[in-house]
């Protein structure tokens, strides 16, 4: 995903790549004319750089990147946090008081899903009481290790809004089969940040996100091990390889597909996002669009989310420019 983000961003801005092992990014930096420096997030040594904006493309468990950017008044985008870490980070940023735009774009696929939801609702003149999101995870897709961090939270119940009220949901429950771009896919509940933000930002009563896999056997196996309690009794480092073996087997490439159904008084609007370049590219595109947004001179300071884009319909129209289709029903 970092490579895809570099490809997108290098066409518009000079880039500084940072990481624990800069030699691993040397070839990428050379290819796109970027600089590369070492920054290990587990190292307390302060890091400083004269940059116009920062995007967090790896997990930042201690909020070091976030705090460094907010305190220096640097526009910031994050595309990696799961829900509990995002809510903590938003609270941290709010206490410091950002003097620049601070965009938490960790909703599914770098916030692209939330952007499309916002555009569909805008087309309906705000008519939306519920949103259902169904993700088809392509087992052949390329993936980094961070992309399956949500596996470590499949034993944790989470809170969502249902009919305007908070309810607690258990992961991988309430399964259903959904047609995602012509592919019937069995999906079940999963914790994602848009289920927390969309009810607050857009006033939607019910938001549900489910995930399923291109391999029906993989979905069946995952639901089975969830039923026997692997994700509760198999916590900790000892069982990490076992938990992640169910998902982390990156291939040579696949397509990212996400179906969105918006319901309201006027009926249903459905759309499916399809990126033939896969989830890494779609997530990177969400980050790239986020960078463009926070670098806009008209962007207000403070904490914000992808669905609060001032003109989400324009973003929806522009996705095709990056090879991403939004199929309507």
Protein backbone atom coordinates (compact mmCIF):
# COMPACT_ATOMS: atom_id res chain seq x y z
CA UNK A 1 0.00 0.00 0.00
CA UNK A 2 2.88 2.35 0.74
CA UNK A 3 4.23 1.71 -2.75
CA UNK A 4 0.84 2.49 -4.29
CA UNK A 5 0.56 5.67 -2.22
CA UNK A 6 4.04 6.75 -3.31
CA UNK A 7 3.11 6.19 -6.95
CA UNK A 8 0.01 8.35 -6.59
CA UNK A 9 1.61 11.10 -4.52
CA UNK A 10 4.89 11.48 -6.39
CA UNK A 11 3.07 12.81 -9.44
CA UNK A 12 1.93 15.83 -7.42
CA UNK A 13 4.36 16.48 -4.55
CA UNK A 14 7.96 15.87 -3.47
CA UNK A 15 7.85 13.00 -0.97
CA UNK A 16 9.77 11.97 2.15
CA UNK A 17 9.41 8.28 2.99
CA UNK A 18 10.11 7.16 6.56
CA UNK A 19 10.33 3.76 8.17
CA UNK A 20 12.22 1.48 10.52
CA UNK A 21 14.53 0.18 7.78
CA UNK A 22 15.07 2.91 5.17
CA UNK A 23 17.16 0.63 2.98
CA UNK A 24 13.94 -1.29 2.24
CA UNK A 25 12.49 1.89 0.72
CA UNK A 26 15.59 2.94 -1.23
CA UNK A 27 14.53 1.41 -4.55
CA UNK A 28 11.02 2.90 -4.24
CA UNK A 29 12.46 6.30 -3.38
CA UNK A 30 14.83 6.17 -6.35
CA UNK A 31 12.03 5.17 -8.70
CA UNK A 32 9.87 8.16 -7.80
CA UNK A 33 12.52 10.72 -6.88
CA UNK A 34 11.60 10.67 -3.18
CA UNK A 35 13.82 11.07 -0.13
CA UNK A 36 13.94 8.36 2.53
CA UNK A 37 14.87 8.55 6.22
CA UNK A 38 14.73 6.30 9.26
CA UNK A 39 11.95 6.74 11.80
CA UNK A 40 11.25 3.81 14.11
CA UNK A 41 7.97 4.41 15.95
CA UNK A 42 9.20 2.29 18.86
CA UNK A 43 12.23 4.58 19.30
CA UNK A 44 11.55 7.56 21.62
CA UNK A 45 14.15 9.70 19.84
CA UNK A 46 12.35 12.80 18.46
CA UNK A 47 11.98 13.09 14.72
CA UNK A 48 11.68 16.37 12.84
CA UNK A 49 11.35 17.23 9.18
CA UNK A 50 10.21 20.27 7.25
CA UNK A 51 7.14 18.87 5.52
CA UNK A 52 3.84 20.31 4.26
CA UNK A 53 1.72 17.34 5.41
CA UNK A 54 2.01 13.90 7.01
CA UNK A 55 0.17 10.69 6.20
CA UNK A 56 0.31 7.72 8.58
CA UNK A 57 0.43 4.54 6.50
CA UNK A 58 1.47 2.15 9.30
CA UNK A 59 0.07 1.66 12.77
CA UNK A 60 1.01 4.42 15.22
CA UNK A 61 0.09 2.74 18.53
CA UNK A 62 1.51 5.49 20.76
CA UNK A 63 0.21 8.38 18.62
CA UNK A 64 3.77 9.67 18.07
CA UNK A 65 3.23 10.68 14.45
CA UNK A 66 -0.14 12.22 15.25
CA UNK A 67 1.13 14.27 18.17
CA UNK A 68 4.22 15.45 16.29
CA UNK A 69 2.08 16.69 13.41
CA UNK A 70 -0.65 18.29 15.53
CA UNK A 71 1.77 20.13 17.81
CA UNK A 72 3.63 21.56 14.81
CA UNK A 73 0.46 22.60 13.00
CA UNK A 74 1.07 20.21 10.10
CA UNK A 75 -1.90 18.81 8.13
CA UNK A 76 -2.28 15.12 8.98
CA UNK A 77 -4.02 12.08 7.46
CA UNK A 78 -4.29 8.65 9.05
CA UNK A 79 -5.51 5.56 7.17
CA UNK A 80 -4.50 2.75 9.51
CA UNK A 81 -6.36 2.91 12.83
CA UNK A 82 -9.06 0.54 13.96
CA UNK A 83 -12.04 1.98 15.79
CA UNK A 84 -10.83 2.08 19.40
CA UNK A 85 -7.46 3.55 18.44
CA UNK A 86 -9.10 6.08 16.15
CA UNK A 87 -11.43 7.33 18.89
CA UNK A 88 -8.49 7.64 21.28
CA UNK A 89 -6.43 9.48 18.66
CA UNK A 90 -9.29 11.86 17.88
CA UNK A 91 -9.60 12.68 21.57
CA UNK A 92 -5.84 13.22 21.83
CA UNK A 93 -5.86 15.55 18.84
CA UNK A 94 -8.86 17.47 20.16
CA UNK A 95 -7.14 18.10 23.50
CA UNK A 96 -4.02 19.47 21.79
CA UNK A 97 -6.21 21.58 19.50
CA UNK A 98 -5.12 21.16 15.86
CA UNK A 99 -4.28 24.38 14.04
CA UNK A 100 -4.33 22.44 10.74
CA UNK A 101 -6.71 19.86 9.21
CA UNK A 102 -6.48 16.48 10.97
CA UNK A 103 -8.22 13.77 8.94
CA UNK A 104 -8.94 10.34 10.42
CA UNK A 105 -9.57 8.34 7.25
CA UNK A 106 -9.35 4.81 8.61
CA UNK A 107 -12.80 3.77 7.42
CA UNK A 108 -12.67 0.78 5.06
CA UNK A 109 -10.15 1.24 2.26
CA UNK A 110 -8.62 4.51 3.39
CA UNK A 111 -12.00 6.20 3.76
CA UNK A 112 -13.12 5.62 0.16
CA UNK A 113 -16.16 3.69 1.41
CA UNK A 114 -17.26 6.62 3.59
CA UNK A 115 -16.74 9.08 0.73
CA UNK A 116 -19.01 7.02 -1.52
CA UNK A 117 -21.61 6.68 1.25
CA UNK A 118 -21.60 10.47 1.70
CA UNK A 119 -21.97 11.01 -2.06
CA UNK A 120 -24.89 8.58 -2.33
CA UNK A 121 -26.65 10.28 0.58
CA UNK A 122 -25.99 13.72 -0.92
CA UNK A 123 -27.60 12.52 -4.17
CA UNK A 124 -30.64 11.55 -2.08
CA UNK A 125 -30.78 15.03 -0.52
CA UNK A 126 -29.78 13.59 2.85
CA UNK A 127 -32.41 10.83 2.94
CA UNK A 128 -30.76 7.93 4.79
CA UNK A 129 -31.85 5.93 7.81
CA UNK A 130 -29.56 2.92 7.35
CA UNK A 131 -26.38 1.96 5.51
CA UNK A 132 -25.20 -1.60 4.88
CA UNK A 133 -21.63 -2.17 3.70
CA UNK A 134 -20.45 -5.56 2.42
CA UNK A 135 -16.75 -6.17 1.72
CA UNK A 136 -15.44 -8.96 -0.50
CA UNK A 137 -11.84 -9.72 0.51
CA UNK A 138 -9.98 -11.20 -2.45
CA UNK A 139 -7.72 -13.96 -1.15
CA UNK A 140 -5.45 -13.53 -4.21
CA UNK A 141 -4.77 -9.87 -3.45
CA UNK A 142 -1.45 -8.46 -2.35
CA UNK A 143 -1.42 -7.44 1.30
CA UNK A 144 0.90 -6.17 4.00
CA UNK A 145 0.98 -7.59 7.52
CA UNK A 146 -0.90 -4.58 8.94
CA UNK A 147 -3.84 -5.30 6.64
CA UNK A 148 -4.99 -8.22 8.80
CA UNK A 149 -4.51 -6.61 12.20
CA UNK A 150 -8.29 -6.75 12.58
CA UNK A 151 -7.89 -10.53 13.08
CA UNK A 152 -6.61 -9.77 16.57
CA UNK A 153 -9.90 -8.08 17.44
CA UNK A 154 -12.30 -10.76 16.28
CA UNK A 155 -12.67 -11.86 19.89
CA UNK A 156 -13.77 -8.41 21.04
CA UNK A 157 -17.38 -7.26 21.00
CA UNK A 158 -17.92 -3.72 19.75
CA UNK A 159 -20.58 -1.03 19.87
CA UNK A 160 -22.62 0.27 16.93
CA UNK A 161 -25.77 2.29 16.44
CA UNK A 162 -28.93 0.40 15.55
CA UNK A 163 -32.16 2.32 15.07
CA UNK A 164 -30.42 5.25 16.71
CA UNK A 165 -29.51 3.35 19.86
CA UNK A 166 -26.15 1.89 20.97
CA UNK A 167 -25.99 -1.91 20.81
CA UNK A 168 -23.14 -4.36 21.34
CA UNK A 169 -22.26 -6.66 18.45
CA UNK A 170 -20.13 -9.81 18.38
CA UNK A 171 -17.79 -10.10 15.35
CA UNK A 172 -18.60 -12.64 12.63
CA UNK A 173 -22.28 -12.87 13.60
CA UNK A 174 -25.45 -12.09 11.64
CA UNK A 175 -24.19 -13.66 8.38
CA UNK A 176 -25.93 -13.11 5.06
CA UNK A 177 -25.20 -13.68 1.38
CA UNK A 178 -24.83 -10.50 -0.68
CA UNK A 179 -24.38 -9.98 -4.41
CA UNK A 180 -21.16 -7.99 -4.79
CA UNK A 181 -20.59 -7.03 -8.44
CA UNK A 182 -22.22 -10.24 -9.62
CA UNK A 183 -20.43 -12.45 -7.10
CA UNK A 184 -22.58 -13.99 -4.33
CA UNK A 185 -20.55 -13.56 -1.15
CA UNK A 186 -21.31 -14.73 2.38
CA UNK A 187 -20.49 -11.90 4.78
CA UNK A 188 -20.62 -11.42 8.56
CA UNK A 189 -20.21 -8.53 11.00
CA UNK A 190 -16.84 -6.88 11.61
CA UNK A 191 -15.68 -3.83 13.56
CA UNK A 192 -14.73 -0.90 11.29
CA UNK A 193 -14.46 2.84 12.03
CA UNK A 194 -17.24 4.01 9.69
CA UNK A 195 -19.79 2.25 11.90
CA UNK A 196 -18.72 4.65 14.66
CA UNK A 197 -18.34 7.85 12.64
CA UNK A 198 -21.21 7.78 10.11
CA UNK A 199 -24.05 7.87 12.68
CA UNK A 200 -22.39 10.86 14.36
CA UNK A 201 -21.31 12.80 11.29
CA UNK A 202 -24.26 12.11 8.96
CA UNK A 203 -26.99 11.28 11.47
CA UNK A 204 -27.63 7.75 10.16
CA UNK A 205 -29.64 5.56 12.55
CA UNK A 206 -28.06 2.21 11.60
CA UNK A 207 -24.70 1.43 9.99
CA UNK A 208 -23.52 -2.17 9.52
CA UNK A 209 -20.30 -3.44 7.92
CA UNK A 210 -19.75 -7.09 7.05
CA UNK A 211 -16.87 -8.95 5.42
CA UNK A 212 -16.61 -12.13 3.39
CA UNK A 213 -13.95 -13.76 1.24
CA UNK A 214 -13.51 -14.72 -2.36
CA UNK A 215 -13.06 -18.27 -1.12
CA UNK A 216 -16.26 -19.66 0.35
CA UNK A 217 -14.18 -22.25 2.18
CA UNK A 218 -12.17 -19.49 3.87
CA UNK A 219 -15.35 -17.79 5.05
CA UNK A 220 -16.77 -21.07 6.36
CA UNK A 221 -13.50 -21.88 8.15
CA UNK A 222 -13.30 -18.44 9.72
CA UNK A 223 -16.88 -18.64 11.01
CA UNK A 224 -16.16 -22.14 12.36
CA UNK A 225 -13.06 -21.17 14.33
CA UNK A 226 -14.89 -18.13 15.64
CA UNK A 227 -17.67 -20.41 16.86
CA UNK A 228 -15.22 -22.58 18.84
CA UNK A 229 -13.74 -19.46 20.43
CA UNK A 230 -10.25 -19.27 18.86
CA UNK A 231 -10.27 -15.47 18.93
CA UNK A 232 -11.01 -15.42 22.66
CA UNK A 233 -8.85 -18.23 24.08
CA UNK A 234 -6.21 -17.92 21.34
CA UNK A 235 -5.12 -14.39 22.16
CA UNK A 236 -1.52 -13.28 22.56
CA UNK A 237 1.68 -13.72 20.59
CA UNK A 238 1.67 -17.50 20.93
CA UNK A 239 -1.35 -17.84 18.66
CA UNK A 240 -0.68 -14.95 16.27
CA UNK A 241 0.49 -17.13 13.40
CA UNK A 242 -2.55 -19.39 13.80
CA UNK A 243 -5.01 -16.49 13.79
CA UNK A 244 -3.45 -14.77 10.81
CA UNK A 245 -3.06 -17.93 8.78
CA UNK A 246 -6.77 -17.71 8.00
CA UNK A 247 -6.30 -14.48 6.06
CA UNK A 248 -2.70 -13.47 5.58
CA UNK A 249 -1.61 -15.37 2.49
CA UNK A 250 -0.90 -12.52 0.05
CA UNK A 251 -1.04 -13.40 -3.61
CA UNK A 252 0.01 -11.67 -6.81
CA UNK A 253 -3.04 -9.45 -7.05
CA UNK A 254 -6.81 -9.35 -7.00
CA UNK A 255 -9.74 -6.96 -7.10
CA UNK A 256 -11.21 -4.94 -4.25
CA UNK A 257 -15.02 -4.96 -4.15
CA UNK A 258 -17.31 -3.20 -1.68
CA UNK A 259 -21.11 -3.02 -1.92
CA UNK A 260 -23.02 -0.16 -0.29
CA UNK A 261 -26.80 -0.07 0.27
CA UNK A 262 -28.39 3.16 1.50
CA UNK A 263 -32.01 2.95 2.69
CA UNK A 264 -34.36 5.76 3.59
CA UNK A 265 -37.88 7.04 3.07
CA UNK A 266 -37.28 7.19 -0.68
CA UNK A 267 -36.29 3.52 -0.95
CA UNK A 268 -32.86 2.02 -1.59
CA UNK A 269 -29.79 3.21 -3.49
CA UNK A 270 -27.08 0.61 -4.16
CA UNK A 271 -23.56 0.94 -5.52
CA UNK A 272 -20.50 -1.31 -5.67
CA UNK A 273 -16.95 0.00 -5.62
CA UNK A 274 -14.61 -2.09 -7.79
CA UNK A 275 -10.86 -1.51 -7.97
CA UNK A 276 -9.20 -4.06 -10.27
CA UNK A 277 -5.81 -3.08 -8.80
CA UNK A 278 -6.86 -4.37 -5.40
CA UNK A 279 -7.24 -3.27 -1.81
CA UNK A 280 -3.73 -1.79 -1.50
CA UNK A 281 -4.38 0.59 -4.40
CA UNK A 282 -7.87 1.51 -3.17
CA UNK A 283 -6.57 2.23 0.34
CA UNK A 284 -3.70 4.26 -1.07
CA UNK A 285 -6.16 6.20 -3.21
CA UNK A 286 -8.14 7.05 -0.08
CA UNK A 287 -4.95 8.35 1.51
CA UNK A 288 -4.04 10.34 -1.59
CA UNK A 289 -7.48 11.95 -1.73
CA UNK A 290 -7.11 12.73 1.97
CA UNK A 291 -3.79 14.48 1.37
CA UNK A 292 -5.32 16.58 -1.39
CA UNK A 293 -8.09 17.55 0.98
CA UNK A 294 -5.94 18.61 3.95
CA UNK A 295 -3.57 20.54 1.65
CA UNK A 296 -6.43 22.59 0.20
CA UNK A 297 -5.92 26.16 1.45
CA UNK A 298 -9.67 26.34 2.13
CA UNK A 299 -9.66 23.26 4.40
CA UNK A 300 -10.62 24.23 7.96
CA UNK A 301 -8.41 23.31 10.93
CA UNK A 302 -9.52 20.59 13.33
CA UNK A 303 -10.47 16.93 13.47
CA UNK A 304 -12.51 15.66 10.54
CA UNK A 305 -13.54 12.46 8.75
CA UNK A 306 -13.75 11.44 5.06
CA UNK A 307 -17.56 11.63 4.88
CA UNK A 308 -17.42 15.31 5.88
CA UNK A 309 -15.83 16.20 2.55
CA UNK A 310 -17.34 19.49 1.31
CA UNK A 311 -18.26 17.97 -2.08
CA UNK A 312 -18.35 14.14 -1.93
CA UNK A 313 -20.25 13.89 -5.23
CA UNK A 314 -17.27 15.42 -7.05
CA UNK A 315 -15.04 12.75 -5.52
CA UNK A 316 -17.46 10.05 -6.62
CA UNK A 317 -17.27 11.34 -10.21
CA UNK A 318 -13.46 11.46 -10.12
CA UNK A 319 -12.83 7.88 -8.96
CA UNK A 320 -12.95 6.65 -12.54
CA UNK A 321 -9.87 8.78 -13.25
CA UNK A 322 -7.93 6.38 -11.00
CA UNK A 323 -9.33 3.18 -12.47
CA UNK A 324 -11.99 2.70 -9.78
CA UNK A 325 -15.53 1.91 -10.91
CA UNK A 326 -18.69 2.68 -8.95
CA UNK A 327 -21.35 0.35 -10.34
CA UNK A 328 -24.98 1.34 -9.85
CA UNK A 329 -28.07 -0.84 -9.59
